[in-house]
Each structure stands twice: as C-alpha cells, then as structure tokens.
Amino acid sequence: MLEVHNIQKTYQDKPLLRGVDFSVLQGETVGLLGPSGSGKSTLLRIIAGLEEAGSGAIFWGGKDIRDIPTYKRNFGLMFQDYALFPHRNVRENVAFGLKMQNLPSEEIETRVNQALAQVNLSSFGERKVTDLSGGEQQRVALARALAPRPKMLMLDEPLGALDRSLREQLIEELHELLHAIGIPAIYVTHDQDEAFAMADRLLLLHDGKIIQEGKPEDNYRNPASEWVAKFLGLSNLVKGTVENEEPFQVKTDMGEFQIEYNRQNLKQGAKVTLLLKPDSAILVKKVKKMNCLQGKVTDSLFRGSGYLVRLLLDHHIKLEFLLEKPYPKGETITLLIDTQKVLCLN
C-alpha cells in the first residue's frame, strides 16, 4: 500500500535521513526501531505530510502523494503526548476530527461509538479526559485516530509516557486491535521489547538509513552488524582472526571458536567480530580446545527464566550468559559455547 523511495532530509545542515526505502503491505504493522535522534519521527512526519523531504518520493497504491496535503491523505496519527483537548470530554475529543470534515451528526455519532467500542471505552464518553488515567487517555487518542477510518495508522512512541506494567498490557491490546482492524500501520519506537511485540516486520534505522529489516525474531537471531547487536542488547562481542576457512574457525584472545558456517566467505587472516549469544553456554568441568572459555564471576542477576551471570576473562574481556543457577562472586567457571549460537558479524 505504502511505498517510500529514497527519502533524504537534512537538519541544521547535517544529513538526518540518507536514502530511506521501505514499503508497508495491507494489514501489516511495520515497526520502525532506532535510537533517539535517528530520524524516526521525522520520517513519520514526512509520510504524514507534516514535513517536506529534501528529495525522494512517497506512493500510496501506486500514486505519488507528495503534493497531497495532510488532511487529504487520511492517515491516522497518534503521538506520545496524545494532544487531547482538556476542556472537552471523551466523546467530544473523538468527534473533533469528524466535525472538521463536516460529516452529518448521525454519522459522527455512529463513528464515535464504533471507535470507543474498539478501544473498550464505550461507557467513558461523557467523562472529562483530565479525570482519566494515562492508559485511558492513550485509548482515547487511539479512538480519535481510528474514528475517521484512516487508510493507514501511524503511531509515534504511543506508549512512551506509561509505566512498564501498563505499557505491557497496552502493547498486547494494541497488537490485537491493529490486526483486528486490518489496516496497515507504522509503529515508531526506541524500545526494542515494544517493537518486537508489536511489529510483523521490523526496520532498524541508524545514521539515517535502514540497516536491517525482517521479522523481529530474525533481526535478533541474526544481527547484520556489530552496531545492531549492541543496540539489541547483545554485548558478547569478541575480536578475532579467521584461522581456518573449512571448517570455519576463528582465533581470539580467549581461545579458538568454530562457527557453523562462513556466511560472508571470509578468507584466512580476515579480522572479524564474533557474537556469542547469551543463551549459548553450558557449564563444563574441563577446558576444551574449541569453543570454550573460562572466567571469574563478577555478578549473578535473576532474570525470570534463569540468571544473567557476568564474567571477567583474561585481557579484561567482559561477557555475560544466561545460566540455570547463580554462582558466587570470584568463582572461576568454564563454559562451552554452542557452535550454532556463535555469529561472525564481519
């Protein structure tokens, strides 16, 4: 439905967006994930028509919409601050955009009722928005975005102002609602857990470019670069040198590692970075020649399904792994790393 081609944008004479390309299919929720300042919100505003791109094109259903004003694009927008009118009640807030379209009063009432029902606020119509909780205000803002029956929904950090427990509850509700409605959506966030839960397909934005895209689980299991790994919280990164091409083996300061496959056809002597997945290790009694490491425990943190055990190795290397039980600080343990959970990132 939506096609974005080579969008470029400068801010204060510096490139903010540097050739962004992506598409959104009918009924698909695309997550746009990146750190603060990466250009996510600016890109959303350009698609909505609230800002102009320096260059590039935006198509909806195959038609160029760059010259179509915002109000005629019929894209629903929802922002972190909700932008509700404090002097209007819930029903009046939801109806505001419909009245601006000069729709008949009966049509407005029908659409408001439908939008409030979609977000489970049917009984809240006469309440003041200032009397609502943060989660309820978020639902009102969503109902207001849905009432005009938009062709696409765009959400910019919609849950950023909520506490963790409420955010987790609303993520689940919002995910179900978007799929029930069946319209395409773009969900902008800097929170990876939120993006993983919401998105059918995830786009990672860094330095003004989409540097990786795919299903959320694919992005996590196979990060395309060292930056992606770090951003997704995968910090077990180790420098090394390719020692053998077949089988693919890498020599590091903490030992030799064999990897399942050489996805980039790297040659002997190439400098590489290895990613050791946090769930890749099992405890062993003796050091083995390959895929084994030994380190002193510096901390053990409970993580629900296990313990995050932090290790200090030789050469000041710090790593952390998810293990079944905690270990005392200062204890030396030996771990064997699964060959299928070691990735070579370059």
Protein backbone atom coordinates (compact mmCIF):
# COMPACT_ATOMS: atom_id res chain seq x y z
CA MET A 1 0.00 0.00 0.00
CA LEU A 2 2.68 2.50 1.06
CA GLU A 3 5.99 2.80 -0.79
CA VAL A 4 8.78 5.10 0.40
CA HIS A 5 11.60 5.72 -2.07
CA ASN A 6 14.99 7.31 -1.36
CA ILE A 7 13.79 9.82 1.25
CA GLN A 8 16.50 12.34 2.13
CA LYS A 9 16.35 15.10 4.72
CA THR A 10 18.89 17.46 6.25
CA TYR A 11 18.61 19.14 9.66
CA GLN A 12 20.83 22.08 10.63
CA ASP A 13 22.92 21.41 7.51
CA LYS A 14 23.56 17.80 8.56
CA PRO A 15 22.05 14.71 6.89
CA LEU A 16 19.27 13.22 9.02
CA LEU A 17 17.73 10.79 6.52
CA ARG A 18 20.04 9.43 3.84
CA GLY A 19 18.09 7.47 1.27
CA VAL A 20 15.36 5.61 3.17
CA ASP A 21 13.44 2.94 1.25
CA PHE A 22 10.69 0.65 2.54
CA SER A 23 7.12 -0.45 1.95
CA VAL A 24 4.08 -1.35 4.06
CA LEU A 25 1.65 -4.06 2.96
CA GLN A 26 -2.09 -4.14 3.55
CA GLY A 27 -2.82 -5.25 7.13
CA GLU A 28 0.87 -5.21 8.10
CA THR A 29 2.31 -3.48 11.15
CA VAL A 30 5.83 -2.26 10.40
CA GLY A 31 7.98 -1.33 13.39
CA LEU A 32 10.47 1.49 12.91
CA LEU A 33 13.12 1.00 15.60
CA GLY A 34 16.14 3.15 16.31
CA PRO A 35 17.84 5.29 18.95
CA SER A 36 16.73 8.83 19.78
CA GLY A 37 17.81 11.25 17.06
CA SER A 38 17.94 8.62 14.32
CA GLY A 39 15.19 10.34 12.28
CA LYS A 40 12.24 8.02 13.06
CA SER A 41 9.75 10.73 13.95
CA THR A 42 10.89 12.98 11.10
CA LEU A 43 10.34 10.15 8.65
CA LEU A 44 6.84 9.61 10.03
CA ARG A 45 6.04 13.32 9.71
CA ILE A 46 7.24 13.31 6.11
CA ILE A 47 4.94 10.38 5.28
CA ALA A 48 2.06 12.19 7.01
CA GLY A 49 2.74 15.37 5.05
CA LEU A 50 3.64 17.43 8.12
CA GLU A 51 7.19 17.96 6.84
CA GLU A 52 8.75 18.03 3.40
CA ALA A 53 11.56 15.72 2.38
CA GLY A 54 14.67 17.14 0.77
CA SER A 55 14.22 14.57 -2.01
CA GLY A 56 12.58 11.22 -2.64
CA ALA A 57 9.05 10.01 -3.30
CA ILE A 58 6.11 8.55 -1.38
CA PHE A 59 3.46 6.44 -3.09
CA TRP A 60 0.11 5.17 -1.85
CA GLY A 61 -1.50 2.49 -4.02
CA GLY A 62 0.99 3.34 -6.74
CA LYS A 63 0.17 7.09 -6.79
CA ASP A 64 2.62 9.81 -5.79
CA ILE A 65 1.19 11.66 -2.74
CA ARG A 66 3.94 14.22 -2.09
CA ASP A 67 1.72 17.12 -3.24
CA ILE A 68 -1.39 15.90 -1.39
CA PRO A 69 -1.99 17.88 1.84
CA THR A 70 -2.02 16.10 5.18
CA TYR A 71 -5.79 16.23 5.73
CA LYS A 72 -6.45 14.60 2.35
CA ARG A 73 -4.03 11.70 2.88
CA ASN A 74 -6.36 10.23 5.52
CA PHE A 75 -3.60 8.71 7.63
CA GLY A 76 -4.37 8.35 11.34
CA LEU A 77 -1.73 9.87 13.63
CA MET A 78 -1.08 9.19 17.30
CA PHE A 79 1.72 10.74 19.33
CA GLN A 80 3.26 10.18 22.76
CA ASP A 81 1.65 13.25 24.36
CA TYR A 82 -1.82 12.28 23.00
CA ALA A 83 -2.67 16.00 22.36
CA LEU A 84 -6.16 15.67 23.85
CA PHE A 85 -8.32 18.74 24.47
CA PRO A 86 -8.59 19.10 28.28
CA HIS A 87 -11.79 21.20 28.08
CA ARG A 88 -13.65 18.53 26.04
CA ASN A 89 -14.98 15.21 27.25
CA VAL A 90 -14.01 11.85 25.76
CA ARG A 91 -16.78 11.82 23.15
CA GLU A 92 -16.02 15.37 22.04
CA ASN A 93 -12.32 14.59 21.68
CA VAL A 94 -13.02 11.58 19.49
CA ALA A 95 -15.57 13.53 17.42
CA PHE A 96 -13.35 16.57 16.83
CA GLY A 97 -11.74 15.41 13.58
CA LEU A 98 -15.07 14.18 12.22
CA LYS A 99 -16.69 17.57 12.82
CA MET A 100 -13.79 19.20 10.97
CA GLN A 101 -14.79 17.05 7.99
CA ASN A 102 -18.34 18.41 8.23
CA LEU A 103 -19.86 14.94 8.44
CA PRO A 104 -23.57 14.60 9.35
CA SER A 105 -24.23 14.41 13.10
CA GLU A 106 -25.68 10.90 12.85
CA GLU A 107 -22.58 9.68 11.02
CA ILE A 108 -20.35 11.31 13.63
CA GLU A 109 -22.25 9.65 16.48
CA THR A 110 -22.01 6.23 14.78
CA ARG A 111 -18.29 6.53 14.19
CA VAL A 112 -17.55 7.80 17.69
CA ASN A 113 -19.49 4.89 19.19
CA GLN A 114 -17.64 2.40 17.00
CA ALA A 115 -14.21 3.89 17.82
CA LEU A 116 -14.89 3.90 21.57
CA ALA A 117 -16.08 0.30 21.40
CA GLN A 118 -12.90 -0.71 19.58
CA VAL A 119 -10.77 0.58 22.45
CA ASN A 120 -13.11 -0.66 25.23
CA LEU A 121 -14.25 2.80 26.31
CA SER A 122 -17.94 2.67 25.38
CA SER A 123 -19.01 3.79 28.86
CA PHE A 124 -16.46 6.62 29.08
CA GLY A 125 -17.97 9.04 26.54
CA GLU A 126 -19.13 11.73 28.97
CA ARG A 127 -16.05 11.70 31.20
CA LYS A 128 -13.53 14.52 31.24
CA VAL A 129 -10.21 13.45 29.76
CA THR A 130 -8.45 15.11 32.72
CA ASP A 131 -10.12 12.55 35.01
CA LEU A 132 -8.71 9.57 33.08
CA SER A 133 -5.60 7.52 33.78
CA GLY A 134 -2.68 7.58 31.38
CA GLY A 135 -3.76 4.29 29.83
CA GLU A 136 -7.33 5.53 29.37
CA GLN A 137 -6.09 8.74 27.75
CA GLN A 138 -3.99 6.63 25.41
CA ARG A 139 -7.12 4.74 24.38
CA VAL A 140 -9.00 7.99 23.74
CA ALA A 141 -6.18 9.21 21.49
CA LEU A 142 -6.30 5.91 19.62
CA ALA A 143 -10.10 6.11 19.25
CA ARG A 144 -9.73 9.64 17.85
CA ALA A 145 -7.19 8.38 15.30
CA LEU A 146 -9.49 5.48 14.31
CA ALA A 147 -12.77 7.43 14.07
CA PRO A 148 -12.07 8.93 10.59
CA ARG A 149 -11.46 5.36 9.35
CA PRO A 150 -7.93 6.06 8.15
CA LYS A 151 -6.25 4.21 5.30
CA MET A 152 -3.17 3.76 7.49
CA LEU A 153 -2.35 4.30 11.17
CA MET A 154 0.93 5.88 12.27
CA LEU A 155 1.96 5.72 15.92
CA ASP A 156 4.92 7.70 17.24
CA GLU A 157 6.13 6.39 20.63
CA PRO A 158 2.46 6.00 21.71
CA LEU A 159 3.25 4.22 25.00
CA GLY A 160 6.38 6.14 25.98
CA ALA A 161 4.70 8.07 28.81
CA LEU A 162 3.28 4.99 30.56
CA ASP A 163 4.81 2.89 33.32
CA ARG A 164 6.16 -0.57 32.50
CA SER A 165 3.25 -2.74 33.68
CA LEU A 166 0.61 -0.62 31.93
CA ARG A 167 2.73 -0.42 28.81
CA GLU A 168 2.99 -4.21 28.62
CA GLN A 169 -0.77 -4.55 29.00
CA LEU A 170 -1.50 -1.99 26.28
CA ILE A 171 1.07 -3.46 23.90
CA GLU A 172 -0.92 -6.69 23.87
CA GLU A 173 -4.24 -4.87 23.43
CA LEU A 174 -2.91 -2.62 20.69
CA HIS A 175 -1.35 -5.54 18.82
CA GLU A 176 -4.66 -7.42 18.82
CA LEU A 177 -6.60 -4.31 17.79
CA LEU A 178 -4.37 -3.48 14.82
CA HIS A 179 -4.73 -7.00 13.46
CA ALA A 180 -8.49 -6.99 14.05
CA ILE A 181 -8.89 -3.70 12.15
CA GLY A 182 -6.71 -4.95 9.32
CA ILE A 183 -5.29 -1.61 8.18
CA PRO A 184 -1.55 -1.06 7.62
CA ALA A 185 0.33 0.63 10.43
CA ILE A 186 3.76 2.12 11.15
CA TYR A 187 4.85 1.89 14.77
CA VAL A 188 7.77 4.12 15.79
CA THR A 189 9.69 3.34 18.99
CA HIS A 190 13.17 3.28 20.52
CA ASP A 191 12.20 0.38 22.81
CA GLN A 192 13.19 -2.99 21.34
CA ASP A 193 10.82 -5.04 23.52
CA GLU A 194 7.92 -2.89 22.38
CA ALA A 195 8.98 -3.19 18.74
CA PHE A 196 9.41 -6.98 18.98
CA ALA A 197 5.92 -7.35 20.46
CA MET A 198 4.14 -5.01 18.03
CA ALA A 199 5.75 -5.45 14.63
CA ASP A 200 5.08 -8.01 11.93
CA ARG A 201 8.21 -6.67 10.22
CA LEU A 202 10.94 -4.60 11.83
CA LEU A 203 13.07 -1.86 10.26
CA LEU A 204 16.22 -0.78 12.11
CA LEU A 205 17.14 2.86 11.46
CA HIS A 206 20.66 4.07 12.17
CA ASP A 207 22.58 7.07 10.92
CA GLY A 208 19.73 8.00 8.58
CA LYS A 209 19.49 4.60 6.86
CA ILE A 210 17.58 1.35 7.20
CA ILE A 211 20.43 -1.00 8.06
CA GLN A 212 18.42 -4.18 8.65
CA GLU A 213 14.84 -5.35 8.15
CA GLY A 214 12.89 -8.54 8.62
CA LYS A 215 10.80 -10.36 11.19
CA PRO A 216 11.61 -9.28 14.76
CA GLU A 217 12.99 -12.71 15.66
CA ASP A 218 15.23 -12.74 12.56
CA ASN A 219 16.72 -9.35 13.45
CA TYR A 220 17.51 -10.60 16.95
CA ARG A 221 18.84 -14.02 15.96
CA ASN A 222 20.95 -12.73 13.07
CA PRO A 223 22.06 -9.12 13.61
CA ALA A 224 23.65 -7.74 10.45
CA SER A 225 26.39 -5.75 12.16
CA GLU A 226 28.16 -5.03 15.43
CA TRP A 227 26.04 -1.89 15.88
CA VAL A 228 22.78 -3.85 15.52
CA ALA A 229 23.97 -6.43 18.04
CA LYS A 230 24.85 -3.76 20.61
CA PHE A 231 21.60 -1.87 20.06
CA LEU A 232 19.59 -5.05 20.61
CA GLY A 233 21.43 -5.66 23.89
CA LEU A 234 23.73 -8.41 22.60
CA SER A 235 27.00 -7.36 24.20
CA ASN A 236 29.16 -10.52 23.98
CA LEU A 237 31.33 -9.21 21.16
CA VAL A 238 34.85 -10.55 20.74
CA LYS A 239 37.52 -9.56 18.20
CA GLY A 240 39.34 -12.31 16.35
CA THR A 241 41.09 -13.51 13.19
CA VAL A 242 39.95 -16.19 10.76
CA GLU A 243 42.29 -19.14 11.26
CA ASN A 244 40.65 -21.71 9.02
CA GLU A 245 38.01 -21.48 6.27
CA GLU A 246 36.68 -25.06 6.27
CA PRO A 247 35.65 -25.79 8.95
CA PHE A 248 35.27 -22.09 9.74
CA GLN A 249 37.40 -21.29 12.79
CA VAL A 250 38.33 -18.01 14.45
CA LYS A 251 41.18 -17.35 16.88
CA THR A 252 40.58 -14.87 19.73
CA ASP A 253 42.39 -13.75 22.89
CA MET A 254 40.25 -16.15 24.91
CA GLY A 255 40.58 -19.20 22.68
CA GLU A 256 39.52 -20.69 19.35
CA PHE A 257 35.94 -20.87 18.12
CA GLN A 258 34.37 -22.99 15.43
CA ILE A 259 31.31 -21.50 13.75
CA GLU A 260 28.51 -23.34 11.96
CA TYR A 261 29.05 -21.62 8.62
CA ASN A 262 31.02 -18.81 6.97
CA ARG A 263 28.14 -16.67 5.72
CA GLN A 264 30.38 -13.98 4.24
CA ASN A 265 33.00 -16.27 2.66
CA LEU A 266 35.74 -14.68 4.77
CA LYS A 267 39.30 -15.69 4.00
CA GLN A 268 42.06 -16.84 6.32
CA GLY A 269 43.63 -13.87 8.13
CA ALA A 270 40.50 -11.68 7.97
CA LYS A 271 39.78 -9.58 11.07
CA VAL A 272 36.31 -10.32 12.43
CA THR A 273 33.96 -9.72 15.38
CA LEU A 274 32.24 -12.71 16.96
CA LEU A 275 28.89 -12.53 18.73
CA LEU A 276 28.37 -15.12 21.46
CA LYS A 277 24.63 -15.37 22.17
CA PRO A 278 23.76 -15.01 25.88
CA ASP A 279 21.94 -18.37 25.84
CA SER A 280 24.78 -20.14 24.06
CA ALA A 281 26.70 -21.58 27.05
CA ILE A 282 26.61 -24.67 29.22
CA LEU A 283 28.78 -25.37 32.27
CA VAL A 284 31.59 -27.93 31.84
CA LYS A 285 34.29 -29.20 34.20
CA LYS A 286 37.30 -29.14 31.88
CA VAL A 287 38.54 -26.64 29.32
CA LYS A 288 38.19 -27.99 25.77
CA LYS A 289 40.28 -26.94 22.79
CA MET A 290 37.45 -25.33 20.82
CA ASN A 291 34.50 -23.07 21.79
CA CYS A 292 35.44 -22.98 25.46
CA LEU A 293 36.12 -20.10 27.82
CA GLN A 294 36.96 -19.63 31.46
CA GLY A 295 36.30 -16.60 33.62
CA LYS A 296 35.66 -15.24 37.12
CA VAL A 297 32.08 -14.49 38.15
CA THR A 298 31.56 -10.80 38.91
CA ASP A 299 27.77 -10.90 39.39
CA SER A 300 24.66 -13.09 39.06
CA LEU A 301 21.35 -11.35 38.36
CA PHE A 302 17.95 -13.06 38.43
CA ARG A 303 16.17 -12.81 35.06
CA GLY A 304 12.99 -14.86 35.49
CA SER A 305 13.89 -17.82 33.29
CA GLY A 306 17.40 -18.05 34.76
CA TYR A 307 20.35 -15.99 35.91
CA LEU A 308 22.44 -13.50 33.99
CA VAL A 309 25.96 -14.43 35.05
CA ARG A 310 28.66 -11.85 34.33
CA LEU A 311 32.24 -12.98 33.79
CA LEU A 312 35.64 -11.32 33.67
CA LEU A 313 38.14 -13.10 31.42
CA ASP A 314 41.79 -12.51 30.61
CA HIS A 315 42.67 -9.38 28.63
CA HIS A 316 39.87 -7.53 30.53
CA ILE A 317 37.17 -9.18 28.41
CA LYS A 318 33.69 -8.95 29.99
CA LEU A 319 30.92 -11.33 28.93
CA GLU A 320 27.51 -12.36 30.28
CA PHE A 321 25.45 -15.52 29.82
CA LEU A 322 22.04 -16.80 30.84
CA LEU A 323 22.57 -19.84 33.06
CA GLU A 324 20.28 -22.06 35.12
CA LYS A 325 21.67 -21.01 38.50
CA PRO A 326 23.75 -18.23 40.09
CA TYR A 327 27.41 -18.54 41.01
CA PRO A 328 29.31 -16.83 43.85
CA LYS A 329 31.37 -13.76 43.05
CA GLY A 330 35.00 -14.63 42.47
CA GLU A 331 34.32 -18.26 41.47
CA THR A 332 36.02 -19.41 38.26
CA ILE A 333 33.72 -21.31 35.88
CA THR A 334 34.26 -22.95 32.50
CA LEU A 335 31.65 -22.67 29.74
CA LEU A 336 31.23 -24.47 26.41
CA ILE A 337 29.69 -22.35 23.64
CA ASP A 338 27.24 -23.86 21.14
CA THR A 339 28.69 -23.58 17.59
CA GLN A 340 25.22 -22.70 16.25
CA LYS A 341 24.99 -19.71 18.57
CA VAL A 342 28.24 -18.03 17.56
CA LEU A 343 27.87 -15.49 14.76
CA CYS A 344 30.62 -13.83 12.73
CA LEU A 345 29.44 -10.25 12.13
CA ASN A 346 32.03 -9.10 9.59
